[in-house]
């Protein structure tokens, strides 16, 4: 029986369509094909689960924003460091949120899938630029909280599942007290899979 979190469930119709799409003669039944696929899928999952841990691929040290920074300061900081998101820390340096381009877009009333040209287009077609409305706001007002974080020993498979479950693109890696140690992004994860598989 497949687990609930398995991202792909094959139907008999999928398998028959795949067998018909194959070149040449295929001398196996759909049931046999499904069994082969199921075993291969489980082996692939086992291989991915054994790939490693967060500490092996995280970027450290990590650039963090303070929750009291203005959005102008935050945007400048992110642009200067070439990042599209970062953990947010409180006055003690403990991670209390995460901010990303999506949070800025959401605050401007744009879809989180909008790109830079969508922002430019909106600014050019309305009397007041949407970005100027951000000047009076602070990081803690738009950050995502509570933060989804992980520990150094979190496996890459677990991190992959966190990305999927929470629709996020980065996850701060923290010590047991919540202090930031590094960050893992979807790009880091994909790169690690490509290097290992």
Protein backbone atom coordinates (compact mmCIF):
# COMPACT_ATOMS: atom_id res chain seq x y z
CA UNK A 1 0.00 0.00 0.00
CA UNK A 2 1.28 3.46 -0.97
CA UNK A 3 1.77 6.06 1.74
CA UNK A 4 -0.51 9.09 1.79
CA UNK A 5 2.40 11.46 1.08
CA UNK A 6 3.54 9.71 -2.08
CA UNK A 7 3.42 12.38 -4.77
CA UNK A 8 2.61 9.98 -7.59
CA UNK A 9 0.01 7.26 -7.73
CA UNK A 10 -0.11 5.32 -10.99
CA UNK A 11 -3.41 4.09 -12.32
CA UNK A 12 -3.81 1.05 -14.57
CA UNK A 13 -4.75 3.45 -17.37
CA UNK A 14 -1.46 5.34 -16.91
CA UNK A 15 0.46 2.09 -17.21
CA UNK A 16 -1.46 0.88 -20.26
CA UNK A 17 -0.93 4.26 -21.95
CA UNK A 18 2.79 4.11 -21.15
CA UNK A 19 3.11 0.55 -22.50
CA UNK A 20 1.32 1.53 -25.70
CA UNK A 21 3.61 4.53 -26.12
CA UNK A 22 6.73 2.32 -25.94
CA UNK A 23 8.42 1.36 -29.22
CA UNK A 24 8.45 -2.34 -30.09
CA UNK A 25 6.89 -5.33 -28.38
CA UNK A 26 6.34 -5.27 -24.61
CA UNK A 27 5.74 -8.72 -23.19
CA UNK A 28 4.64 -7.94 -19.66
CA UNK A 29 1.28 -7.46 -18.05
CA UNK A 30 0.18 -4.14 -16.56
CA UNK A 31 0.38 -5.80 -13.13
CA UNK A 32 4.01 -6.81 -13.66
CA UNK A 33 4.87 -3.38 -15.00
CA UNK A 34 3.23 -1.77 -11.97
CA UNK A 35 5.17 -4.06 -9.62
CA UNK A 36 8.46 -3.16 -11.33
CA UNK A 37 7.59 0.51 -11.11
CA UNK A 38 6.60 0.24 -7.45
CA UNK A 39 9.84 -1.51 -6.51
CA UNK A 40 11.88 1.03 -8.50
CA UNK A 41 10.01 3.89 -6.88
CA UNK A 42 10.66 2.55 -3.38
CA UNK A 43 14.36 2.03 -4.18
CA UNK A 44 14.60 5.59 -5.51
CA UNK A 45 12.98 6.92 -2.33
CA UNK A 46 15.39 4.90 -0.21
CA UNK A 47 18.32 6.27 -2.22
CA UNK A 48 17.08 9.87 -1.85
CA UNK A 49 16.49 9.41 1.88
CA UNK A 50 20.08 8.27 2.30
CA UNK A 51 21.56 11.23 0.41
CA UNK A 52 22.49 13.32 3.37
CA UNK A 53 21.59 15.94 5.88
CA UNK A 54 20.99 19.67 5.93
CA UNK A 55 24.42 20.44 7.37
CA UNK A 56 26.04 18.97 4.25
CA UNK A 57 24.40 21.34 1.77
CA UNK A 58 23.36 24.41 3.78
CA UNK A 59 24.82 27.83 3.03
CA UNK A 60 26.53 29.19 6.12
CA UNK A 61 26.73 31.71 7.53
CA UNK A 62 23.29 32.88 6.49
CA UNK A 63 22.26 36.48 5.78
CA UNK A 64 19.50 37.42 8.23
CA UNK A 65 17.24 40.42 8.53
CA UNK A 66 16.17 42.01 11.79
CA UNK A 67 12.44 42.14 12.33
CA UNK A 68 12.62 45.88 13.11
CA UNK A 69 14.24 46.78 9.78
CA UNK A 70 12.16 48.89 7.42
CA UNK A 71 11.12 47.24 4.17
CA UNK A 72 13.32 49.75 2.34
CA UNK A 73 16.35 48.56 4.33
CA UNK A 74 15.33 44.93 3.86
CA UNK A 75 14.93 45.26 0.09
CA UNK A 76 18.29 46.99 -0.19
CA UNK A 77 19.95 44.31 1.94
CA UNK A 78 18.46 41.50 -0.14
CA UNK A 79 19.45 43.20 -3.40
CA UNK A 80 22.99 43.83 -2.14
CA UNK A 81 23.44 40.17 -1.24
CA UNK A 82 21.64 38.81 -4.30
CA UNK A 83 19.07 36.87 -2.30
CA UNK A 84 15.32 36.59 -2.78
CA UNK A 85 14.54 35.66 0.82
CA UNK A 86 16.08 35.37 4.27
CA UNK A 87 15.41 34.36 7.85
CA UNK A 88 14.26 37.14 10.17
CA UNK A 89 15.69 37.36 13.69
CA UNK A 90 14.45 39.10 16.82
CA UNK A 91 16.46 41.27 19.19
CA UNK A 92 18.13 38.17 20.69
CA UNK A 93 19.18 36.85 17.28
CA UNK A 94 16.64 34.02 17.30
CA UNK A 95 14.84 33.21 14.05
CA UNK A 96 11.26 34.47 14.35
CA UNK A 97 10.16 34.52 10.70
CA UNK A 98 11.16 34.32 7.07
CA UNK A 99 10.73 37.01 4.44
CA UNK A 100 10.83 36.63 0.68
CA UNK A 101 9.89 38.39 -2.53
CA UNK A 102 6.50 36.71 -2.23
CA UNK A 103 5.82 38.63 1.01
CA UNK A 104 6.64 41.93 -0.73
CA UNK A 105 4.37 41.04 -3.66
CA UNK A 106 1.56 40.02 -1.32
CA UNK A 107 1.86 43.35 0.55
CA UNK A 108 1.63 45.19 -2.79
CA UNK A 109 -1.55 43.31 -3.63
CA UNK A 110 0.04 41.33 -6.46
CA UNK A 111 -0.05 37.57 -6.97
CA UNK A 112 2.95 35.83 -5.42
CA UNK A 113 3.82 34.49 -8.85
CA UNK A 114 4.29 38.00 -10.26
CA UNK A 115 7.67 38.90 -11.72
CA UNK A 116 9.56 42.19 -11.92
CA UNK A 117 7.78 43.16 -15.15
CA UNK A 118 4.42 42.78 -13.43
CA UNK A 119 5.55 45.28 -10.80
CA UNK A 120 6.88 47.68 -13.45
CA UNK A 121 3.68 47.31 -15.46
CA UNK A 122 1.50 48.06 -12.43
CA UNK A 123 3.63 51.07 -11.46
CA UNK A 124 3.41 52.50 -14.96
CA UNK A 125 -0.37 52.11 -15.23
CA UNK A 126 -1.46 53.48 -11.84
CA UNK A 127 -1.02 57.01 -10.47
CA UNK A 128 0.94 55.84 -7.42
CA UNK A 129 3.63 53.21 -7.62
CA UNK A 130 2.78 50.12 -5.58
CA UNK A 131 6.31 49.94 -4.20
CA UNK A 132 6.13 53.41 -2.62
CA UNK A 133 3.42 52.11 -0.28
CA UNK A 134 6.00 49.85 1.34
CA UNK A 135 8.14 52.71 2.67
CA UNK A 136 6.22 53.05 5.90
CA UNK A 137 6.28 49.36 6.79
CA UNK A 138 8.62 47.01 8.61
CA UNK A 139 9.85 43.47 8.17
CA UNK A 140 7.83 42.07 11.08
CA UNK A 141 4.62 43.27 9.41
CA UNK A 142 4.95 41.12 6.30
CA UNK A 143 7.25 38.23 7.26
CA UNK A 144 5.92 34.69 7.28
CA UNK A 145 5.63 33.41 10.83
CA UNK A 146 6.10 31.23 12.71
CA UNK A 147 9.13 30.19 10.69
CA UNK A 148 9.41 26.69 9.26
CA UNK A 149 12.93 25.66 10.24
CA UNK A 150 15.04 22.54 10.47
CA UNK A 151 18.08 21.28 12.35
CA UNK A 152 21.50 20.38 10.95
CA UNK A 153 20.70 16.67 11.22
CA UNK A 154 17.42 16.95 9.30
CA UNK A 155 17.61 14.67 6.26
CA UNK A 156 17.33 16.03 2.75
CA UNK A 157 14.23 13.91 2.21
CA UNK A 158 12.61 15.56 5.24
CA UNK A 159 13.57 19.01 3.96
CA UNK A 160 12.12 18.15 0.56
CA UNK A 161 8.88 17.17 2.26
CA UNK A 162 8.82 20.45 4.24
CA UNK A 163 9.22 22.42 1.00
CA UNK A 164 6.30 20.54 -0.52
CA UNK A 165 4.02 20.58 2.51
CA UNK A 166 4.45 24.30 3.21
CA UNK A 167 4.99 25.59 -0.37
CA UNK A 168 8.24 27.29 0.61
CA UNK A 169 11.53 27.73 -1.23
CA UNK A 170 14.00 28.10 1.64
CA UNK A 171 14.33 26.86 5.18
CA UNK A 172 16.55 28.25 7.94
CA UNK A 173 18.73 25.69 9.70
CA UNK A 174 18.78 26.50 13.41
CA UNK A 175 20.34 25.14 16.56
CA UNK A 176 18.16 23.81 19.36
CA UNK A 177 17.67 27.33 20.75
CA UNK A 178 16.53 28.79 17.44
CA UNK A 179 19.73 30.62 16.47
CA UNK A 180 20.43 30.51 12.71
CA UNK A 181 23.26 28.27 11.51
CA UNK A 182 22.59 28.30 7.78
CA UNK A 183 19.93 28.03 5.12
CA UNK A 184 18.87 25.42 2.56
CA UNK A 185 17.05 26.50 -0.60
CA UNK A 186 15.27 24.48 -3.27
CA UNK A 187 18.24 25.17 -5.55
CA UNK A 188 20.62 23.69 -2.96
CA UNK A 189 18.42 20.60 -2.73
CA UNK A 190 18.13 20.11 -6.48
CA UNK A 191 21.88 20.59 -6.92
CA UNK A 192 22.62 18.00 -4.26
CA UNK A 193 20.28 15.48 -5.90
CA UNK A 194 21.82 16.09 -9.32
CA UNK A 195 25.33 15.60 -7.97
CA UNK A 196 24.43 12.38 -6.15
CA UNK A 197 21.93 10.65 -8.42
